[in-house]
PDB file of N, CA and C in Angstrom:
ATOM      1  N   MET A   1       0.840  -1.174   0.000  1.00  0.00           N
ATOM      2  CA  MET A   1       0.000   0.000   0.000  1.00  0.00           C
ATOM      3  C   MET A   1       0.889   1.242   0.000  1.00  0.00           C
ATOM      4  N   PRO A   2       0.622   2.228  -0.856  1.00  0.00           N
ATOM      5  CA  PRO A   2       1.455   3.435  -0.888  1.00  0.00           C
ATOM      6  C   PRO A   2       1.416   4.189   0.446  1.00  0.00           C
ATOM      7  N   ASP A   3       2.504   4.894   0.755  1.00  0.00           N
ATOM      8  CA  ASP A   3       2.586   5.649   2.010  1.00  0.00           C
ATOM      9  C   ASP A   3       1.452   6.649   2.147  1.00  0.00           C
ATOM     10  N   TRP A   4       1.071   7.318   1.043  1.00  0.00           N
ATOM     11  CA  TRP A   4       0.002   8.318   1.139  1.00  0.00           C
ATOM     12  C   TRP A   4      -1.321   7.666   1.500  1.00  0.00           C
ATOM     13  N   ASN A   5      -1.535   6.419   1.120  1.00  0.00           N
ATOM     14  CA  ASN A   5      -2.771   5.737   1.486  1.00  0.00           C
ATOM     15  C   ASN A   5      -2.746   5.340   2.960  1.00  0.00           C
ATOM     16  N   LEU A   6      -1.575   4.999   3.474  1.00  0.00           N
ATOM     17  CA  LEU A   6      -1.449   4.718   4.903  1.00  0.00           C
ATOM     18  C   LEU A   6      -1.743   5.982   5.704  1.00  0.00           C
ATOM     19  N   ALA A   7      -1.259   7.118   5.220  1.00  0.00           N
ATOM     20  CA  ALA A   7      -1.525   8.387   5.894  1.00  0.00           C
ATOM     21  C   ALA A   7      -3.018   8.693   5.902  1.00  0.00           C
ATOM     22  N   ALA A   8      -3.731   8.202   4.910  1.00  0.00           N
ATOM     23  CA  ALA A   8      -5.177   8.416   4.814  1.00  0.00           C
ATOM     24  C   ALA A   8      -5.940   7.304   5.518  1.00  0.00           C
ATOM     25  N   LEU A   9      -5.287   6.603   6.398  1.00  0.00           N
ATOM     26  CA  LEU A   9      -5.895   5.504   7.146  1.00  0.00           C
ATOM     27  C   LEU A   9      -6.396   4.402   6.221  1.00  0.00           C
ATOM     28  N   GLY A  10      -5.771   4.280   5.054  1.00  0.00           N
ATOM     29  CA  GLY A  10      -6.146   3.245   4.098  1.00  0.00           C
ATOM     30  C   GLY A  10      -7.487   3.455   3.441  1.00  0.00           C
ATOM     31  N   ASN A  11      -8.015   4.679   3.502  1.00  0.00           N
ATOM     32  CA  ASN A  11      -9.363   4.947   3.021  1.00  0.00           C
ATOM     33  C   ASN A  11      -9.441   5.499   1.607  1.00  0.00           C
ATOM     34  N   VAL A  12      -8.354   5.535   0.890  1.00  0.00           N
ATOM     35  CA  VAL A  12      -8.382   6.081  -0.463  1.00  0.00           C
ATOM     36  C   VAL A  12      -8.672   4.945  -1.441  1.00  0.00           C
ATOM     37  N   ASP A  13      -9.882   4.966  -1.953  1.00  0.00           N
ATOM     38  CA  ASP A  13     -10.309   3.974  -2.927  1.00  0.00           C
ATOM     39  C   ASP A  13     -11.116   4.692  -4.011  1.00  0.00           C
ATOM     40  N   ASP A  14     -11.733   3.939  -4.896  1.00  0.00           N
ATOM     41  CA  ASP A  14     -12.498   4.562  -5.985  1.00  0.00           C
ATOM     42  C   ASP A  14     -13.633   5.437  -5.461  1.00  0.00           C
ATOM     43  N   HIS A  15     -14.303   4.981  -4.421  1.00  0.00           N
ATOM     44  CA  HIS A  15     -15.392   5.779  -3.848  1.00  0.00           C
ATOM     45  C   HIS A  15     -14.858   7.105  -3.303  1.00  0.00           C
ATOM     46  N   PHE A  16     -13.724   7.031  -2.602  1.00  0.00           N
ATOM     47  CA  PHE A  16     -13.104   8.251  -2.073  1.00  0.00           C
ATOM     48  C   PHE A  16     -12.793   9.220  -3.207  1.00  0.00           C
ATOM     49  N   ILE A  17     -12.165   8.728  -4.254  1.00  0.00           N
ATOM     50  CA  ILE A  17     -11.783   9.589  -5.385  1.00  0.00           C
ATOM     51  C   ILE A  17     -13.014  10.215  -6.040  1.00  0.00           C
ATOM     52  N   ARG A  18     -14.068   9.419  -6.253  1.00  0.00           N
ATOM     53  CA  ARG A  18     -15.294   9.966  -6.862  1.00  0.00           C
ATOM     54  C   ARG A  18     -15.916  11.050  -5.993  1.00  0.00           C
ATOM     55  N   ARG A  19     -15.987  10.803  -4.692  1.00  0.00           N
ATOM     56  CA  ARG A  19     -16.577  11.786  -3.772  1.00  0.00           C
ATOM     57  C   ARG A  19     -15.724  13.043  -3.720  1.00  0.00           C
ATOM     58  N   TYR A  20     -14.414  12.880  -3.647  1.00  0.00           N
ATOM     59  CA  TYR A  20     -13.526  14.040  -3.597  1.00  0.00           C
ATOM     60  C   TYR A  20     -13.635  14.852  -4.886  1.00  0.00           C
ATOM     61  N   ARG A  21     -13.704  14.181  -6.019  1.00  0.00           N
ATOM     62  CA  ARG A  21     -13.856  14.870  -7.308  1.00  0.00           C
ATOM     63  C   ARG A  21     -15.153  15.672  -7.330  1.00  0.00           C
ATOM     64  N   ALA A  22     -16.226  15.094  -6.806  1.00  0.00           N
ATOM     65  CA  ALA A  22     -17.515  15.800  -6.745  1.00  0.00           C
ATOM     66  C   ALA A  22     -17.407  17.036  -5.849  1.00  0.00           C
ATOM     67  N   LEU A  23     -16.706  16.902  -4.734  1.00  0.00           N
ATOM     68  CA  LEU A  23     -16.519  18.056  -3.846  1.00  0.00           C
ATOM     69  C   LEU A  23     -15.689  19.144  -4.523  1.00  0.00           C
ATOM     70  N   LEU A  24     -14.651  18.754  -5.247  1.00  0.00           N
ATOM     71  CA  LEU A  24     -13.844  19.731  -5.983  1.00  0.00           C
ATOM     72  C   LEU A  24     -14.666  20.431  -7.061  1.00  0.00           C
ATOM     73  N   ASP A  25     -15.496  19.675  -7.762  1.00  0.00           N
ATOM     74  CA  ASP A  25     -16.347  20.268  -8.802  1.00  0.00           C
ATOM     75  C   ASP A  25     -17.329  21.270  -8.209  1.00  0.00           C
ATOM     76  N   THR A  26     -17.911  20.911  -7.067  1.00  0.00           N
ATOM     77  CA  THR A  26     -18.842  21.817  -6.392  1.00  0.00           C
ATOM     78  C   THR A  26     -18.133  23.095  -5.960  1.00  0.00           C
ATOM     79  N   GLU A  27     -16.939  22.943  -5.409  1.00  0.00           N
ATOM     80  CA  GLU A  27     -16.156  24.099  -4.980  1.00  0.00           C
ATOM     81  C   GLU A  27     -15.798  24.991  -6.169  1.00  0.00           C
ATOM     82  N   SER A  28     -15.402  24.380  -7.261  1.00  0.00           N
ATOM     83  CA  SER A  28     -15.038  25.133  -8.460  1.00  0.00           C
ATOM     84  C   SER A  28     -16.233  25.905  -9.013  1.00  0.00           C
ATOM     85  N   ALA A  29     -17.388  25.266  -9.073  1.00  0.00           N
ATOM     86  CA  ALA A  29     -18.598  25.930  -9.570  1.00  0.00           C
ATOM     87  C   ALA A  29     -18.979  27.098  -8.664  1.00  0.00           C
ATOM     88  N   ALA A  30     -18.864  26.890  -7.355  1.00  0.00           N
ATOM     89  CA  ALA A  30     -19.185  27.956  -6.410  1.00  0.00           C
ATOM     90  C   ALA A  30     -18.225  29.135  -6.580  1.00  0.00           C
ATOM     91  N   PHE A  31     -16.947  28.840  -6.803  1.00  0.00           N
ATOM     92  CA  PHE A  31     -15.976  29.918  -7.008  1.00  0.00           C
ATOM     93  C   PHE A  31     -16.265  30.668  -8.305  1.00  0.00           C
ATOM     94  N   ASP A  32     -16.641  29.951  -9.355  1.00  0.00           N
ATOM     95  CA  ASP A  32     -16.985  30.611 -10.619  1.00  0.00           C
ATOM     96  C   ASP A  32     -18.123  31.604 -10.428  1.00  0.00           C
ATOM     97  N   GLU A  33     -19.144  31.195  -9.678  1.00  0.00           N
ATOM     98  CA  GLU A  33     -20.274  32.094  -9.407  1.00  0.00           C
ATOM     99  C   GLU A  33     -19.821  33.301  -8.597  1.00  0.00           C
ATOM    100  N   LEU A  34     -18.970  33.071  -7.615  1.00  0.00           N
ATOM    101  CA  LEU A  34     -18.429  34.157  -6.795  1.00  0.00           C
ATOM    102  C   LEU A  34     -17.645  35.140  -7.652  1.00  0.00           C
ATOM    103  N   GLU A  35     -16.825  34.606  -8.530  1.00  0.00           N
ATOM    104  CA  GLU A  35     -16.021  35.441  -9.419  1.00  0.00           C
ATOM    105  C   GLU A  35     -16.899  36.293 -10.320  1.00  0.00           C
ATOM    106  N   HIS A  36     -17.956  35.715 -10.863  1.00  0.00           N
ATOM    107  CA  HIS A  36     -18.863  36.465 -11.744  1.00  0.00           C
ATOM    108  C   HIS A  36     -19.560  37.586 -10.973  1.00  0.00           C
ATOM    109  N   ALA A  37     -20.008  37.294  -9.770  1.00  0.00           N
ATOM    110  CA  ALA A  37     -20.666  38.322  -8.962  1.00  0.00           C
ATOM    111  C   ALA A  37     -19.697  39.462  -8.662  1.00  0.00           C
ATOM    112  N   TYR A  38     -18.439  39.129  -8.370  1.00  0.00           N
ATOM    113  CA  TYR A  38     -17.433  40.150  -8.105  1.00  0.00           C
ATOM    114  C   TYR A  38     -17.203  41.010  -9.342  1.00  0.00           C
ATOM    115  N   GLU A  39     -17.010  40.344 -10.477  1.00  0.00           N
ATOM    116  CA  GLU A  39     -16.754  41.077 -11.723  1.00  0.00           C
ATOM    117  C   GLU A  39     -17.924  41.961 -12.130  1.00  0.00           C
ATOM    118  N   ASP A  40     -19.145  41.526 -11.821  1.00  0.00           N
ATOM    119  CA  ASP A  40     -20.340  42.294 -12.162  1.00  0.00           C
ATOM    120  C   ASP A  40     -20.648  43.380 -11.135  1.00  0.00           C
ATOM    121  N   GLY A  41     -19.940  43.373 -10.022  1.00  0.00           N
ATOM    122  CA  GLY A  41     -20.198  44.355  -8.970  1.00  0.00           C
ATOM    123  C   GLY A  41     -21.530  44.119  -8.270  1.00  0.00           C
ATOM    124  N   ASP A  42     -21.991  42.894  -8.285  1.00  0.00           N
ATOM    125  CA  ASP A  42     -23.283  42.528  -7.703  1.00  0.00           C
ATOM    126  C   ASP A  42     -23.079  42.108  -6.249  1.00  0.00           C
ATOM    127  N   ARG A  43     -23.200  43.078  -5.345  1.00  0.00           N
ATOM    128  CA  ARG A  43     -22.887  42.838  -3.932  1.00  0.00           C
ATOM    129  C   ARG A  43     -23.797  41.778  -3.308  1.00  0.00           C
ATOM    130  N   ALA A  44     -25.088  41.832  -3.610  1.00  0.00           N
ATOM    131  CA  ALA A  44     -26.026  40.876  -3.011  1.00  0.00           C
ATOM    132  C   ALA A  44     -25.672  39.441  -3.404  1.00  0.00           C
ATOM    133  N   HIS A  45     -25.438  39.213  -4.690  1.00  0.00           N
ATOM    134  CA  HIS A  45     -25.062  37.873  -5.135  1.00  0.00           C
ATOM    135  C   HIS A  45     -23.672  37.490  -4.642  1.00  0.00           C
ATOM    136  N   PHE A  46     -22.782  38.478  -4.526  1.00  0.00           N
ATOM    137  CA  PHE A  46     -21.439  38.197  -4.033  1.00  0.00           C
ATOM    138  C   PHE A  46     -21.501  37.620  -2.625  1.00  0.00           C
ATOM    139  N   GLU A  47     -22.292  38.233  -1.758  1.00  0.00           N
ATOM    140  CA  GLU A  47     -22.402  37.753  -0.378  1.00  0.00           C
ATOM    141  C   GLU A  47     -22.950  36.325  -0.334  1.00  0.00           C
ATOM    142  N   THR A  48     -23.983  36.062  -1.121  1.00  0.00           N
ATOM    143  CA  THR A  48     -24.574  34.727  -1.179  1.00  0.00           C
ATOM    144  C   THR A  48     -23.585  33.722  -1.744  1.00  0.00           C
ATOM    145  N   ASP A  49     -22.924  34.104  -2.836  1.00  0.00           N
ATOM    146  CA  ASP A  49     -21.959  33.210  -3.480  1.00  0.00           C
ATOM    147  C   ASP A  49     -20.742  32.957  -2.594  1.00  0.00           C
ATOM    148  N   LEU A  50     -20.340  33.969  -1.828  1.00  0.00           N
ATOM    149  CA  LEU A  50     -19.219  33.796  -0.903  1.00  0.00           C
ATOM    150  C   LEU A  50     -19.573  32.758   0.166  1.00  0.00           C
ATOM    151  N   ALA A  51     -20.789  32.832   0.672  1.00  0.00           N
ATOM    152  CA  ALA A  51     -21.241  31.860   1.670  1.00  0.00           C
ATOM    153  C   ALA A  51     -21.279  30.447   1.069  1.00  0.00           C
ATOM    154  N   GLU A  52     -21.728  30.327  -0.166  1.00  0.00           N
ATOM    155  CA  GLU A  52     -21.764  29.013  -0.837  1.00  0.00           C
ATOM    156  C   GLU A  52     -20.360  28.460  -1.050  1.00  0.00           C
ATOM    157  N   TRP A  53     -19.433  29.324  -1.454  1.00  0.00           N
ATOM    158  CA  TRP A  53     -18.060  28.892  -1.684  1.00  0.00           C
ATOM    159  C   TRP A  53     -17.413  28.438  -0.375  1.00  0.00           C
ATOM    160  N   ARG A  54     -17.625  29.221   0.693  1.00  0.00           N
ATOM    161  CA  ARG A  54     -17.076  28.844   1.999  1.00  0.00           C
ATOM    162  C   ARG A  54     -17.639  27.505   2.465  1.00  0.00           C
ATOM    163  N   SER A  55     -18.922  27.317   2.239  1.00  0.00           N
ATOM    164  CA  SER A  55     -19.562  26.056   2.606  1.00  0.00           C
ATOM    165  C   SER A  55     -18.940  24.887   1.842  1.00  0.00           C
ATOM    166  N   ALA A  56     -18.697  25.085   0.559  1.00  0.00           N
ATOM    167  CA  ALA A  56     -18.073  24.041  -0.262  1.00  0.00           C
ATOM    168  C   ALA A  56     -16.657  23.732   0.245  1.00  0.00           C
ATOM    169  N   LEU A  57     -15.918  24.768   0.605  1.00  0.00           N
ATOM    170  CA  LEU A  57     -14.570  24.565   1.157  1.00  0.00           C
ATOM    171  C   LEU A  57     -14.624  23.786   2.470  1.00  0.00           C
ATOM    172  N   GLU A  58     -15.571  24.134   3.319  1.00  0.00           N
ATOM    173  CA  GLU A  58     -15.702  23.451   4.605  1.00  0.00           C
ATOM    174  C   GLU A  58     -16.087  21.987   4.424  1.00  0.00           C
ATOM    175  N   ARG A  59     -16.977  21.698   3.466  1.00  0.00           N
ATOM    176  CA  ARG A  59     -17.358  20.305   3.214  1.00  0.00           C
ATOM    177  C   ARG A  59     -16.167  19.495   2.729  1.00  0.00           C
ATOM    178  N   ARG A  60     -15.346  20.097   1.844  1.00  0.00           N
ATOM    179  CA  ARG A  60     -14.163  19.387   1.346  1.00  0.00           C
ATOM    180  C   ARG A  60     -13.158  19.160   2.472  1.00  0.00           C
ATOM    181  N   ALA A  61     -12.917  20.183   3.286  1.00  0.00           N
ATOM    182  CA  ALA A  61     -11.975  20.051   4.401  1.00  0.00           C
ATOM    183  C   ALA A  61     -12.457  19.009   5.408  1.00  0.00           C
ATOM    184  N   SER A  62     -13.744  19.000   5.669  1.00  0.00           N
ATOM    185  CA  SER A  62     -14.315  18.023   6.591  1.00  0.00           C
ATOM    186  C   SER A  62     -14.160  16.601   6.052  1.00  0.00           C
ATOM    187  N   PHE A  63     -14.392  16.432   4.768  1.00  0.00           N
ATOM    188  CA  PHE A  63     -14.237  15.128   4.130  1.00  0.00           C
ATOM    189  C   PHE A  63     -12.796  14.634   4.267  1.00  0.00           C
ATOM    190  N   LEU A  64     -11.840  15.511   3.992  1.00  0.00           N
ATOM    191  CA  LEU A  64     -10.427  15.126   4.108  1.00  0.00           C
ATOM    192  C   LEU A  64     -10.067  14.812   5.554  1.00  0.00           C
ATOM    193  N   ASP A  65     -10.551  15.615   6.478  1.00  0.00           N
ATOM    194  CA  ASP A  65     -10.282  15.387   7.890  1.00  0.00           C
ATOM    195  C   ASP A  65     -10.844  14.034   8.334  1.00  0.00           C
ATOM    196  N   LYS A  66     -12.037  13.718   7.893  1.00  0.00           N
ATOM    197  CA  LYS A  66     -12.680  12.444   8.237  1.00  0.00           C
ATOM    198  C   LYS A  66     -11.840  11.254   7.775  1.00  0.00           C
ATOM    199  N   HIS A  67     -11.080  11.443   6.698  1.00  0.00           N
ATOM    200  CA  HIS A  67     -10.253  10.368   6.154  1.00  0.00           C
ATOM    201  C   HIS A  67      -8.788  10.483   6.578  1.00  0.00           C
ATOM    202  N   GLY A  68      -8.514  11.331   7.555  1.00  0.00           N
ATOM    203  CA  GLY A  68      -7.169  11.433   8.098  1.00  0.00           C
ATOM    204  C   GLY A  68      -6.204  12.231   7.246  1.00  0.00           C
ATOM    205  N   LEU A  69      -6.728  13.012   6.325  1.00  0.00           N
ATOM    206  CA  LEU A  69      -5.876  13.819   5.444  1.00  0.00           C
ATOM    207  C   LEU A  69      -5.997  15.288   5.825  1.00  0.00           C
ATOM    208  N   VAL A  70      -5.202  15.691   6.784  1.00  0.00           N
ATOM    209  CA  VAL A  70      -5.176  17.076   7.232  1.00  0.00           C
ATOM    210  C   VAL A  70      -3.741  17.571   7.170  1.00  0.00           C
ATOM    211  N   PRO A  71      -3.563  18.858   6.962  1.00  0.00           N
ATOM    212  CA  PRO A  71      -2.194  19.384   6.922  1.00  0.00           C
ATOM    213  C   PRO A  71      -1.489  19.164   8.261  1.00  0.00           C
ATOM    214  N   ALA A  72      -0.194  18.878   8.191  1.00  0.00           N
ATOM    215  CA  ALA A  72       0.592  18.683   9.410  1.00  0.00           C
ATOM    216  C   ALA A  72       0.665  19.988  10.194  1.00  0.00           C
ATOM    217  N   THR A  73       0.790  21.089   9.484  1.00  0.00           N
ATOM    218  CA  THR A  73       0.807  22.405  10.120  1.00  0.00           C
ATOM    219  C   THR A  73      -0.086  23.321   9.300  1.00  0.00           C
ATOM    220  N   VAL A  74      -0.676  24.246   9.968  1.00  0.00           N
ATOM    221  CA  VAL A  74      -1.537  25.221   9.301  1.00  0.00           C
ATOM    222  C   VAL A  74      -0.894  26.583   9.457  1.00  0.00           C
ATOM    223  N   LEU A  75      -0.656  27.255   8.349  1.00  0.00           N
ATOM    224  CA  LEU A  75      -0.060  28.587   8.368  1.00  0.00           C
ATOM    225  C   LEU A  75      -1.173  29.605   8.523  1.00  0.00           C
ATOM    226  N   ARG A  76      -1.148  30.373   9.564  1.00  0.00           N
ATOM    227  CA  ARG A  76      -2.148  31.431   9.816  1.00  0.00           C
ATOM    228  C   ARG A  76      -1.511  32.774   9.469  1.00  0.00           C
ATOM    229  N   VAL A  77      -2.251  33.550   8.724  1.00  0.00           N
ATOM    230  CA  VAL A  77      -1.743  34.879   8.352  1.00  0.00           C
ATOM    231  C   VAL A  77      -2.521  35.938   9.071  1.00  0.00           C
TER     232      VAL A  77
END
């Protein structure tokens, strides 16, 4: 078993990859909407789209955390 799969508690399989890909696609779509609202100067949609994008990021981070894939250190700015 590859070292990266051991780090993921052995949970990286086809189902994991499909779910992660879906989460990435959702995050990407949410960011696209956020970007369009920003470019259009549409504050109301920007706020809504920002909340959707943050939610997508949190779902992806939670999924990775659940499978033991978290950064060793987190850089705070």
